[in-house]
């Protein structure tokens, strides 16, 4: 400290001839850190956009499958009239091995499989099951004349669509039965 006119003053000359301020290396390091932060924020935003699109497509797929299950259930609840494919007995004839398009998804197709042979129902749908509630589980109910006998219709819905060049499949399994009189 230096004293001049009775006032203490600090010496502020930089050591060894250096001037005040930031060196070129300090500025370069700061720019690298800032660039890394910007890069990570950008990658997070892009990843978030991709996840949002994937999530929205999953929402559309599940909504399309719910609508198809509701359509099958509505058919099952109609009064039994096999001539015009209405009622629980007509579900097999009307929907088995049928495909329908889903316009809200790129190349979206729903394929429906109905199981009408009691001994061949997949385990995920209950395994061997008495579909016409007649006390046995050995009937084959896959034609129109047997359709009036059906009380349960095991179905599998597969929705296939394309997302970013990759084929995606969503599956729903249900037991359709008449829920109204």
N, C-alpha and C. Protein backbone atom coordinates (compact mmCIF):
# COMPACT_ATOMS: atom_id res chain seq x y z
N UNK A 1 0.84 -1.17 0.00
CA UNK A 1 0.00 0.00 0.00
C UNK A 1 0.88 1.23 0.00
N UNK A 2 0.38 2.15 -0.70
CA UNK A 2 1.10 3.44 -0.74
C UNK A 2 0.24 4.48 -0.07
N UNK A 3 0.92 5.41 0.56
CA UNK A 3 0.20 6.50 1.22
C UNK A 3 0.52 7.79 0.50
N UNK A 4 -0.49 8.46 0.11
CA UNK A 4 -0.32 9.74 -0.54
C UNK A 4 -1.30 10.70 0.11
N UNK A 5 -0.85 11.76 0.57
CA UNK A 5 -1.66 12.77 1.26
C UNK A 5 -2.45 12.15 2.41
N UNK A 6 -1.87 11.17 3.05
CA UNK A 6 -2.51 10.56 4.20
C UNK A 6 -3.58 9.54 3.85
N UNK A 7 -3.76 9.24 2.57
CA UNK A 7 -4.78 8.28 2.15
C UNK A 7 -4.07 7.04 1.64
N UNK A 8 -4.55 5.91 2.12
CA UNK A 8 -3.95 4.65 1.69
C UNK A 8 -4.50 4.28 0.32
N UNK A 9 -3.59 3.93 -0.58
CA UNK A 9 -3.99 3.50 -1.92
C UNK A 9 -3.31 2.18 -2.24
N UNK A 10 -4.02 1.35 -2.98
CA UNK A 10 -3.51 0.04 -3.35
C UNK A 10 -2.79 0.12 -4.69
N UNK A 11 -1.70 -0.60 -4.77
CA UNK A 11 -0.98 -0.67 -6.03
C UNK A 11 -1.75 -1.61 -6.95
N UNK A 12 -1.99 -1.19 -8.15
CA UNK A 12 -2.78 -2.03 -9.04
C UNK A 12 -2.05 -2.40 -10.31
N UNK A 13 -0.78 -2.40 -10.29
CA UNK A 13 -0.07 -2.80 -11.50
C UNK A 13 -0.01 -4.32 -11.56
N UNK A 14 -0.34 -4.90 -12.70
CA UNK A 14 -0.34 -6.35 -12.83
C UNK A 14 1.08 -6.90 -12.69
N UNK A 15 1.20 -8.10 -12.14
CA UNK A 15 2.52 -8.68 -11.98
C UNK A 15 3.14 -9.07 -13.31
N UNK A 16 4.38 -9.04 -13.39
CA UNK A 16 5.21 -9.48 -14.52
C UNK A 16 4.76 -8.92 -15.86
N UNK A 17 4.31 -7.75 -15.91
CA UNK A 17 4.02 -7.08 -17.16
C UNK A 17 2.71 -7.48 -17.83
N UNK A 18 1.87 -8.25 -17.21
CA UNK A 18 0.58 -8.66 -17.78
C UNK A 18 -0.42 -7.53 -17.66
N UNK A 19 -1.28 -7.36 -18.68
CA UNK A 19 -2.32 -6.35 -18.61
C UNK A 19 -3.60 -6.99 -18.09
N UNK A 20 -4.52 -6.18 -17.59
CA UNK A 20 -5.78 -6.69 -17.05
C UNK A 20 -6.68 -7.19 -18.18
N UNK A 21 -7.59 -8.21 -17.89
CA UNK A 21 -8.52 -8.74 -18.88
C UNK A 21 -8.37 -10.25 -19.01
N UNK A 22 -9.10 -10.81 -19.98
CA UNK A 22 -9.09 -12.25 -20.19
C UNK A 22 -8.10 -12.62 -21.28
N UNK A 23 -7.46 -13.74 -21.10
CA UNK A 23 -6.52 -14.20 -22.12
C UNK A 23 -7.30 -14.92 -23.22
N UNK A 24 -6.65 -15.15 -24.33
CA UNK A 24 -7.25 -15.84 -25.46
C UNK A 24 -7.64 -17.27 -25.07
N UNK A 25 -6.85 -17.93 -24.27
CA UNK A 25 -7.15 -19.30 -23.83
C UNK A 25 -8.40 -19.31 -22.96
N UNK A 26 -8.56 -18.36 -22.07
CA UNK A 26 -9.75 -18.30 -21.22
C UNK A 26 -11.01 -18.07 -22.06
N UNK A 27 -10.93 -17.22 -23.04
CA UNK A 27 -12.07 -16.96 -23.93
C UNK A 27 -12.41 -18.22 -24.73
N UNK A 28 -11.41 -18.92 -25.25
CA UNK A 28 -11.64 -20.13 -26.03
C UNK A 28 -12.29 -21.22 -25.17
N UNK A 29 -11.81 -21.38 -23.93
CA UNK A 29 -12.42 -22.37 -23.03
C UNK A 29 -13.87 -22.03 -22.74
N UNK A 30 -14.16 -20.77 -22.53
CA UNK A 30 -15.54 -20.34 -22.28
C UNK A 30 -16.43 -20.64 -23.47
N UNK A 31 -15.90 -20.40 -24.68
CA UNK A 31 -16.70 -20.66 -25.88
C UNK A 31 -16.95 -22.16 -26.05
N UNK A 32 -15.99 -23.01 -25.74
CA UNK A 32 -16.17 -24.46 -25.84
C UNK A 32 -17.25 -24.92 -24.86
N UNK A 33 -17.20 -24.44 -23.62
CA UNK A 33 -18.22 -24.80 -22.63
C UNK A 33 -19.59 -24.33 -23.08
N UNK A 34 -19.69 -23.11 -23.60
CA UNK A 34 -20.97 -22.58 -24.08
C UNK A 34 -21.50 -23.40 -25.26
N UNK A 35 -20.60 -23.81 -26.17
CA UNK A 35 -21.01 -24.62 -27.32
C UNK A 35 -21.53 -25.98 -26.86
N UNK A 36 -20.88 -26.59 -25.86
CA UNK A 36 -21.34 -27.88 -25.34
C UNK A 36 -22.72 -27.76 -24.69
N UNK A 37 -22.95 -26.68 -23.98
CA UNK A 37 -24.27 -26.45 -23.36
C UNK A 37 -25.33 -26.29 -24.45
N UNK A 38 -25.04 -25.50 -25.47
CA UNK A 38 -26.00 -25.32 -26.57
C UNK A 38 -26.26 -26.63 -27.29
N UNK A 39 -25.23 -27.43 -27.52
CA UNK A 39 -25.40 -28.71 -28.18
C UNK A 39 -26.28 -29.65 -27.36
N UNK A 40 -26.07 -29.71 -26.05
CA UNK A 40 -26.89 -30.59 -25.22
C UNK A 40 -28.34 -30.12 -25.16
N UNK A 41 -28.56 -28.82 -25.12
CA UNK A 41 -29.94 -28.30 -25.13
C UNK A 41 -30.61 -28.63 -26.46
N UNK A 42 -29.90 -28.48 -27.56
CA UNK A 42 -30.46 -28.81 -28.88
C UNK A 42 -30.80 -30.28 -29.00
N UNK A 43 -29.90 -31.14 -28.52
CA UNK A 43 -30.17 -32.58 -28.58
C UNK A 43 -31.37 -32.96 -27.72
N UNK A 44 -31.51 -32.31 -26.57
CA UNK A 44 -32.66 -32.57 -25.70
C UNK A 44 -33.96 -32.16 -26.39
N UNK A 45 -33.95 -31.03 -27.08
CA UNK A 45 -35.15 -30.58 -27.80
C UNK A 45 -35.53 -31.54 -28.92
N UNK A 46 -34.56 -31.97 -29.70
CA UNK A 46 -34.83 -32.90 -30.80
C UNK A 46 -35.36 -34.22 -30.26
N UNK A 47 -34.74 -34.72 -29.20
CA UNK A 47 -35.19 -35.97 -28.59
C UNK A 47 -36.61 -35.82 -28.06
N UNK A 48 -36.91 -34.70 -27.45
CA UNK A 48 -38.26 -34.45 -26.93
C UNK A 48 -39.30 -34.44 -28.05
N UNK A 49 -38.95 -33.84 -29.17
CA UNK A 49 -39.88 -33.80 -30.31
C UNK A 49 -40.13 -35.21 -30.83
N UNK A 50 -39.07 -36.02 -30.94
CA UNK A 50 -39.23 -37.41 -31.39
C UNK A 50 -40.11 -38.21 -30.44
N UNK A 51 -39.89 -38.06 -29.14
CA UNK A 51 -40.69 -38.80 -28.16
C UNK A 51 -42.15 -38.35 -28.19
N UNK A 52 -42.38 -37.07 -28.41
CA UNK A 52 -43.75 -36.56 -28.49
C UNK A 52 -44.47 -37.16 -29.69
N UNK A 53 -43.79 -37.22 -30.85
CA UNK A 53 -44.41 -37.80 -32.05
C UNK A 53 -44.70 -39.29 -31.84
N UNK A 54 -43.75 -40.01 -31.26
CA UNK A 54 -43.94 -41.44 -30.99
C UNK A 54 -45.10 -41.66 -30.02
N UNK A 55 -45.16 -40.84 -29.00
CA UNK A 55 -46.24 -40.94 -28.02
C UNK A 55 -47.59 -40.64 -28.66
N UNK A 56 -47.64 -39.64 -29.53
CA UNK A 56 -48.89 -39.29 -30.19
C UNK A 56 -49.33 -40.41 -31.12
N UNK A 57 -48.38 -41.04 -31.85
CA UNK A 57 -48.74 -42.16 -32.72
C UNK A 57 -49.25 -43.35 -31.91
N UNK A 58 -48.66 -43.59 -30.74
CA UNK A 58 -49.16 -44.65 -29.86
C UNK A 58 -50.57 -44.34 -29.41
N UNK A 59 -50.83 -43.08 -29.07
CA UNK A 59 -52.17 -42.64 -28.68
C UNK A 59 -53.16 -42.89 -29.82
N UNK A 60 -52.78 -42.51 -31.05
CA UNK A 60 -53.68 -42.73 -32.19
C UNK A 60 -53.92 -44.22 -32.43
N UNK A 61 -52.88 -45.03 -32.27
CA UNK A 61 -53.02 -46.48 -32.47
C UNK A 61 -53.96 -47.08 -31.44
N UNK A 62 -53.77 -46.77 -30.19
CA UNK A 62 -54.62 -47.33 -29.14
C UNK A 62 -56.06 -46.83 -29.28
N UNK A 63 -56.22 -45.59 -29.70
CA UNK A 63 -57.56 -45.05 -29.92
C UNK A 63 -58.26 -45.79 -31.06
N UNK A 64 -57.53 -46.08 -32.13
CA UNK A 64 -58.10 -46.84 -33.26
C UNK A 64 -58.50 -48.24 -32.82
N UNK A 65 -57.67 -48.88 -31.99
CA UNK A 65 -58.00 -50.22 -31.49
C UNK A 65 -59.22 -50.18 -30.56
N UNK A 66 -59.30 -49.16 -29.72
CA UNK A 66 -60.49 -49.01 -28.84
C UNK A 66 -61.75 -48.83 -29.67
N UNK A 67 -61.66 -48.05 -30.74
CA UNK A 67 -62.82 -47.85 -31.61
C UNK A 67 -63.25 -49.15 -32.28
N UNK A 68 -62.27 -49.99 -32.68
CA UNK A 68 -62.61 -51.26 -33.31
C UNK A 68 -63.27 -52.20 -32.31
N UNK A 69 -62.75 -52.24 -31.06
CA UNK A 69 -63.38 -53.06 -30.02
C UNK A 69 -64.81 -52.58 -29.78
N UNK A 70 -65.01 -51.27 -29.75
CA UNK A 70 -66.36 -50.72 -29.56
C UNK A 70 -67.28 -51.11 -30.72
N UNK A 71 -66.74 -51.13 -31.94
CA UNK A 71 -67.53 -51.54 -33.10
C UNK A 71 -67.92 -53.01 -32.99
N UNK A 72 -66.98 -53.85 -32.59
CA UNK A 72 -67.27 -55.27 -32.39
C UNK A 72 -68.32 -55.47 -31.30
N UNK A 73 -68.18 -54.74 -30.22
CA UNK A 73 -69.13 -54.85 -29.11
C UNK A 73 -70.52 -54.37 -29.55
N UNK A 74 -70.57 -53.31 -30.34
CA UNK A 74 -71.86 -52.81 -30.84
C UNK A 74 -72.53 -53.84 -31.73
N UNK A 75 -71.74 -54.51 -32.57
CA UNK A 75 -72.30 -55.58 -33.41
C UNK A 75 -72.84 -56.71 -32.56
N UNK A 76 -72.10 -57.08 -31.52
CA UNK A 76 -72.53 -58.17 -30.63
C UNK A 76 -73.82 -57.81 -29.90
N UNK A 77 -74.04 -56.54 -29.60
CA UNK A 77 -75.22 -56.10 -28.85
C UNK A 77 -76.45 -55.90 -29.72
N UNK A 78 -76.29 -55.94 -31.04
CA UNK A 78 -77.44 -55.80 -31.93
C UNK A 78 -78.32 -57.05 -31.82
N UNK A 79 -79.61 -56.92 -32.13
CA UNK A 79 -80.48 -58.11 -32.14
C UNK A 79 -79.95 -59.14 -33.14
N UNK A 80 -80.02 -60.40 -32.79
CA UNK A 80 -79.48 -61.48 -33.61
C UNK A 80 -80.20 -61.56 -34.95
N UNK A 81 -79.44 -61.34 -36.04
CA UNK A 81 -79.97 -61.46 -37.39
C UNK A 81 -78.79 -61.81 -38.30
N UNK A 82 -78.52 -63.10 -38.45
CA UNK A 82 -77.35 -63.53 -39.20
C UNK A 82 -77.44 -63.20 -40.68
N UNK A 83 -78.66 -63.03 -41.21
CA UNK A 83 -78.81 -62.72 -42.63
C UNK A 83 -78.16 -61.38 -42.98
N UNK A 84 -78.20 -60.43 -42.06
CA UNK A 84 -77.59 -59.12 -42.31
C UNK A 84 -76.34 -58.92 -41.43
N UNK A 85 -75.81 -60.00 -40.90
CA UNK A 85 -74.60 -60.01 -40.08
C UNK A 85 -74.69 -59.07 -38.88
N UNK A 86 -75.71 -59.29 -38.09
CA UNK A 86 -75.90 -58.53 -36.85
C UNK A 86 -76.02 -59.49 -35.68
N UNK A 87 -75.57 -59.06 -34.54
CA UNK A 87 -75.67 -59.86 -33.32
C UNK A 87 -74.36 -60.58 -33.02
N UNK A 88 -74.30 -61.16 -31.82
CA UNK A 88 -73.09 -61.84 -31.36
C UNK A 88 -72.68 -62.96 -32.29
N UNK A 89 -73.65 -63.68 -32.86
CA UNK A 89 -73.34 -64.78 -33.76
C UNK A 89 -72.72 -64.31 -35.07
N UNK A 90 -72.93 -63.06 -35.44
CA UNK A 90 -72.41 -62.54 -36.71
C UNK A 90 -71.00 -61.97 -36.57
N UNK A 91 -70.51 -61.81 -35.35
CA UNK A 91 -69.18 -61.22 -35.16
C UNK A 91 -68.13 -62.04 -35.91
N UNK A 92 -68.18 -63.37 -35.77
CA UNK A 92 -67.19 -64.21 -36.46
C UNK A 92 -67.31 -64.05 -37.97
N UNK A 93 -68.51 -64.18 -38.52
CA UNK A 93 -68.71 -64.11 -39.97
C UNK A 93 -68.32 -62.74 -40.53
N UNK A 94 -68.59 -61.71 -39.79
CA UNK A 94 -68.39 -60.35 -40.27
C UNK A 94 -66.94 -59.89 -40.14
N UNK A 95 -66.25 -60.30 -39.09
CA UNK A 95 -64.94 -59.72 -38.80
C UNK A 95 -63.75 -60.66 -38.89
N UNK A 96 -63.95 -61.97 -38.88
CA UNK A 96 -62.79 -62.87 -38.87
C UNK A 96 -61.93 -62.68 -40.11
N UNK A 97 -60.64 -62.55 -39.91
CA UNK A 97 -59.64 -62.33 -40.97
C UNK A 97 -59.93 -61.10 -41.82
N UNK A 98 -60.63 -60.14 -41.26
CA UNK A 98 -60.92 -58.90 -41.98
C UNK A 98 -59.85 -57.86 -41.63
N UNK A 99 -59.59 -56.96 -42.56
CA UNK A 99 -58.69 -55.85 -42.31
C UNK A 99 -59.42 -54.55 -42.59
N UNK A 100 -59.05 -53.53 -41.85
CA UNK A 100 -59.60 -52.20 -42.08
C UNK A 100 -58.48 -51.19 -41.92
N UNK A 101 -58.57 -50.11 -42.67
CA UNK A 101 -57.51 -49.11 -42.64
C UNK A 101 -57.75 -48.10 -41.53
N UNK A 102 -56.65 -47.51 -41.07
CA UNK A 102 -56.68 -46.45 -40.06
C UNK A 102 -56.09 -45.22 -40.72
N UNK A 103 -56.94 -44.27 -41.06
CA UNK A 103 -56.50 -43.11 -41.83
C UNK A 103 -55.60 -42.18 -41.02
N UNK A 104 -55.70 -42.20 -39.71
CA UNK A 104 -54.91 -41.27 -38.90
C UNK A 104 -53.45 -41.71 -38.74
N UNK A 105 -53.12 -42.93 -39.19
CA UNK A 105 -51.74 -43.43 -39.09
C UNK A 105 -51.22 -43.79 -40.47
N UNK A 106 -49.95 -43.54 -40.69
CA UNK A 106 -49.33 -43.86 -41.98
C UNK A 106 -49.39 -45.36 -42.21
N UNK A 107 -50.05 -45.76 -43.27
CA UNK A 107 -50.23 -47.16 -43.67
C UNK A 107 -50.79 -48.03 -42.54
N UNK A 108 -51.66 -47.46 -41.72
CA UNK A 108 -52.25 -48.20 -40.60
C UNK A 108 -53.32 -49.18 -41.05
N UNK A 109 -53.18 -50.44 -40.61
CA UNK A 109 -54.16 -51.48 -40.92
C UNK A 109 -54.46 -52.28 -39.65
N UNK A 110 -55.75 -52.51 -39.40
CA UNK A 110 -56.16 -53.37 -38.29
C UNK A 110 -56.61 -54.69 -38.87
N UNK A 111 -56.00 -55.77 -38.41
CA UNK A 111 -56.46 -57.10 -38.81
C UNK A 111 -57.12 -57.75 -37.60
N UNK A 112 -58.24 -58.40 -37.86
CA UNK A 112 -59.04 -59.01 -36.80
C UNK A 112 -59.01 -60.52 -36.95
N UNK A 113 -58.74 -61.20 -35.85
CA UNK A 113 -58.81 -62.66 -35.83
C UNK A 113 -59.80 -63.06 -34.75
N UNK A 114 -60.80 -63.84 -35.13
CA UNK A 114 -61.79 -64.36 -34.19
C UNK A 114 -61.54 -65.86 -34.03
N UNK A 115 -61.62 -66.32 -32.81
CA UNK A 115 -61.41 -67.75 -32.55
C UNK A 115 -62.75 -68.39 -32.25
N UNK A 116 -63.18 -69.31 -33.14
CA UNK A 116 -64.47 -69.95 -32.97
C UNK A 116 -64.37 -71.44 -32.72
N UNK A 117 -63.16 -71.96 -32.65
CA UNK A 117 -62.99 -73.36 -32.29
C UNK A 117 -62.60 -73.38 -30.82
N UNK A 118 -63.46 -73.95 -30.01
CA UNK A 118 -63.29 -73.88 -28.56
C UNK A 118 -61.95 -74.43 -28.08
N UNK A 119 -61.44 -75.43 -28.76
CA UNK A 119 -60.20 -76.06 -28.30
C UNK A 119 -58.95 -75.33 -28.78
N UNK A 120 -59.11 -74.29 -29.61
CA UNK A 120 -57.92 -73.60 -30.13
C UNK A 120 -57.83 -72.14 -29.71
N UNK A 121 -58.57 -71.76 -28.68
CA UNK A 121 -58.49 -70.38 -28.18
C UNK A 121 -57.13 -70.21 -27.49
N UNK A 122 -56.36 -69.17 -27.86
CA UNK A 122 -55.04 -68.98 -27.25
C UNK A 122 -55.15 -68.77 -25.73
N UNK A 123 -54.09 -69.14 -25.02
CA UNK A 123 -54.10 -69.01 -23.56
C UNK A 123 -54.24 -67.56 -23.12
N UNK A 124 -53.73 -66.62 -23.89
CA UNK A 124 -53.87 -65.20 -23.51
C UNK A 124 -55.33 -64.75 -23.52
N UNK A 125 -56.20 -65.53 -24.17
CA UNK A 125 -57.64 -65.23 -24.18
C UNK A 125 -58.43 -66.23 -23.34
N UNK A 126 -57.75 -67.01 -22.55
CA UNK A 126 -58.44 -67.93 -21.65
C UNK A 126 -58.21 -69.40 -21.96
N UNK A 127 -57.52 -69.70 -23.05
CA UNK A 127 -57.27 -71.10 -23.39
C UNK A 127 -58.53 -71.80 -23.84
N UNK A 128 -58.59 -73.09 -23.66
CA UNK A 128 -59.77 -73.87 -24.04
C UNK A 128 -60.97 -73.32 -23.26
N UNK A 129 -61.99 -72.90 -23.99
CA UNK A 129 -63.12 -72.21 -23.35
C UNK A 129 -64.42 -72.63 -24.04
N UNK A 130 -65.48 -72.69 -23.30
CA UNK A 130 -66.80 -73.07 -23.81
C UNK A 130 -67.47 -71.83 -24.38
N UNK A 131 -67.37 -71.62 -25.69
CA UNK A 131 -67.85 -70.38 -26.33
C UNK A 131 -69.37 -70.31 -26.45
N UNK A 132 -70.04 -71.44 -26.45
CA UNK A 132 -71.50 -71.41 -26.58
C UNK A 132 -72.19 -71.83 -25.29
N UNK A 133 -71.44 -71.99 -24.24
CA UNK A 133 -71.94 -72.31 -22.89
C UNK A 133 -72.89 -73.51 -22.94
N UNK A 134 -72.42 -74.60 -23.58
CA UNK A 134 -73.24 -75.80 -23.64
C UNK A 134 -72.68 -76.92 -22.76
N UNK A 135 -71.66 -76.61 -21.99
CA UNK A 135 -71.14 -77.59 -21.05
C UNK A 135 -69.92 -78.34 -21.53
N UNK A 136 -69.55 -78.17 -22.81
CA UNK A 136 -68.32 -78.81 -23.27
C UNK A 136 -67.44 -77.75 -23.94
N UNK A 137 -66.26 -78.13 -24.32
CA UNK A 137 -65.37 -77.18 -24.98
C UNK A 137 -64.74 -77.83 -26.20
N UNK A 138 -65.58 -78.48 -27.01
CA UNK A 138 -65.09 -79.18 -28.19
C UNK A 138 -65.82 -78.77 -29.46
N UNK A 139 -66.61 -77.69 -29.41
CA UNK A 139 -67.40 -77.29 -30.57
C UNK A 139 -66.58 -76.44 -31.53
N UNK A 140 -66.96 -76.50 -32.81
CA UNK A 140 -66.40 -75.64 -33.84
C UNK A 140 -67.55 -74.75 -34.31
N UNK A 141 -67.46 -73.47 -33.99
CA UNK A 141 -68.59 -72.56 -34.23
C UNK A 141 -68.25 -71.54 -35.30
N UNK A 142 -67.63 -71.98 -36.39
CA UNK A 142 -67.14 -71.04 -37.39
C UNK A 142 -67.99 -70.93 -38.65
N UNK A 143 -69.27 -71.27 -38.58
CA UNK A 143 -70.12 -71.06 -39.75
C UNK A 143 -71.42 -70.40 -39.31
N UNK A 144 -72.13 -69.90 -40.29
CA UNK A 144 -73.33 -69.10 -39.99
C UNK A 144 -74.39 -69.88 -39.22
N UNK A 145 -74.55 -71.16 -39.51
CA UNK A 145 -75.59 -71.92 -38.82
C UNK A 145 -75.26 -72.09 -37.34
N UNK A 146 -73.99 -72.12 -37.00
CA UNK A 146 -73.59 -72.23 -35.59
C UNK A 146 -73.50 -70.88 -34.90
N UNK A 147 -73.54 -69.81 -35.68
CA UNK A 147 -73.35 -68.47 -35.13
C UNK A 147 -74.34 -68.10 -34.04
N UNK A 148 -75.58 -68.61 -34.14
CA UNK A 148 -76.57 -68.28 -33.13
C UNK A 148 -76.24 -68.91 -31.79
N UNK A 149 -75.35 -69.90 -31.82
CA UNK A 149 -74.95 -70.60 -30.61
C UNK A 149 -73.88 -69.85 -29.81
N UNK A 150 -73.16 -68.95 -30.45
CA UNK A 150 -72.06 -68.25 -29.78
C UNK A 150 -72.54 -67.35 -28.64
N UNK A 151 -71.81 -67.41 -27.52
CA UNK A 151 -72.07 -66.51 -26.39
C UNK A 151 -70.84 -65.65 -26.10
N UNK A 152 -69.66 -66.20 -26.44
CA UNK A 152 -68.38 -65.50 -26.30
C UNK A 152 -67.64 -65.56 -27.63
N UNK A 153 -67.00 -64.47 -28.00
CA UNK A 153 -66.17 -64.48 -29.20
C UNK A 153 -64.80 -63.92 -28.82
N UNK A 154 -63.79 -64.79 -28.71
CA UNK A 154 -62.43 -64.31 -28.44
C UNK A 154 -61.87 -63.65 -29.70
N UNK A 155 -61.34 -62.45 -29.57
CA UNK A 155 -60.78 -61.75 -30.72
C UNK A 155 -59.37 -61.25 -30.41
N UNK A 156 -58.62 -61.13 -31.48
CA UNK A 156 -57.29 -60.53 -31.40
C UNK A 156 -57.24 -59.46 -32.49
N UNK A 157 -56.92 -58.25 -32.10
CA UNK A 157 -56.78 -57.15 -33.05
C UNK A 157 -55.32 -56.77 -33.15
N UNK A 158 -54.80 -56.72 -34.36
CA UNK A 158 -53.42 -56.30 -34.60
C UNK A 158 -53.43 -55.05 -35.47
N UNK A 159 -52.87 -53.98 -34.95
CA UNK A 159 -52.74 -52.74 -35.73
C UNK A 159 -51.28 -52.61 -36.13
N UNK A 160 -51.05 -52.50 -37.43
CA UNK A 160 -49.70 -52.35 -37.95
C UNK A 160 -49.64 -51.02 -38.69
N UNK A 161 -48.60 -50.24 -38.39
CA UNK A 161 -48.39 -48.95 -39.06
C UNK A 161 -46.90 -48.66 -39.15
N UNK A 162 -46.56 -47.66 -39.95
CA UNK A 162 -45.16 -47.28 -40.14
C UNK A 162 -44.88 -45.99 -39.39
N UNK A 163 -43.75 -46.01 -38.66
CA UNK A 163 -43.33 -44.82 -37.91
C UNK A 163 -41.84 -44.63 -38.14
N UNK A 164 -41.46 -43.56 -38.80
CA UNK A 164 -40.05 -43.27 -39.11
C UNK A 164 -39.38 -44.42 -39.85
N UNK A 165 -40.10 -45.04 -40.79
CA UNK A 165 -39.55 -46.11 -41.59
C UNK A 165 -39.53 -47.47 -40.90
N UNK A 166 -40.05 -47.55 -39.68
CA UNK A 166 -40.08 -48.80 -38.93
C UNK A 166 -41.53 -49.26 -38.79
N UNK A 167 -41.77 -50.55 -39.01
CA UNK A 167 -43.11 -51.09 -38.85
C UNK A 167 -43.38 -51.38 -37.38
N UNK A 168 -44.49 -50.82 -36.88
CA UNK A 168 -44.87 -50.98 -35.47
C UNK A 168 -46.18 -51.76 -35.43
N UNK A 169 -46.28 -52.70 -34.48
CA UNK A 169 -47.51 -53.48 -34.31
C UNK A 169 -48.01 -53.34 -32.88
N UNK A 170 -49.26 -53.04 -32.73
CA UNK A 170 -49.91 -52.98 -31.41
C UNK A 170 -51.02 -54.04 -31.43
N UNK A 171 -51.16 -54.78 -30.33
CA UNK A 171 -52.13 -55.88 -30.26
C UNK A 171 -53.05 -55.71 -29.07
N UNK A 172 -54.33 -56.00 -29.29
CA UNK A 172 -55.33 -56.01 -28.22
C UNK A 172 -56.09 -57.32 -28.31
N UNK A 173 -56.25 -58.00 -27.18
CA UNK A 173 -57.01 -59.24 -27.09
C UNK A 173 -58.24 -59.00 -26.21
N UNK A 174 -59.40 -59.46 -26.66
CA UNK A 174 -60.63 -59.27 -25.89
C UNK A 174 -61.56 -60.47 -26.07
N UNK A 175 -62.42 -60.66 -25.07
CA UNK A 175 -63.53 -61.59 -25.17
C UNK A 175 -64.77 -60.75 -25.38
N UNK A 176 -65.39 -60.88 -26.54
CA UNK A 176 -66.60 -60.11 -26.85
C UNK A 176 -67.81 -60.97 -26.46
N UNK A 177 -68.74 -60.35 -25.78
CA UNK A 177 -69.98 -61.03 -25.41
C UNK A 177 -71.12 -60.01 -25.49
N UNK A 178 -72.32 -60.49 -25.57
CA UNK A 178 -73.47 -59.59 -25.62
C UNK A 178 -73.66 -59.01 -24.22
N UNK A 179 -73.67 -57.67 -24.13
CA UNK A 179 -73.78 -57.02 -22.83
C UNK A 179 -75.14 -56.36 -22.60
N UNK A 180 -76.01 -56.36 -23.64
CA UNK A 180 -77.35 -55.80 -23.47
C UNK A 180 -78.37 -56.81 -23.97
N UNK A 181 -79.61 -56.64 -23.56
CA UNK A 181 -80.69 -57.53 -24.03
C UNK A 181 -81.54 -56.87 -25.06
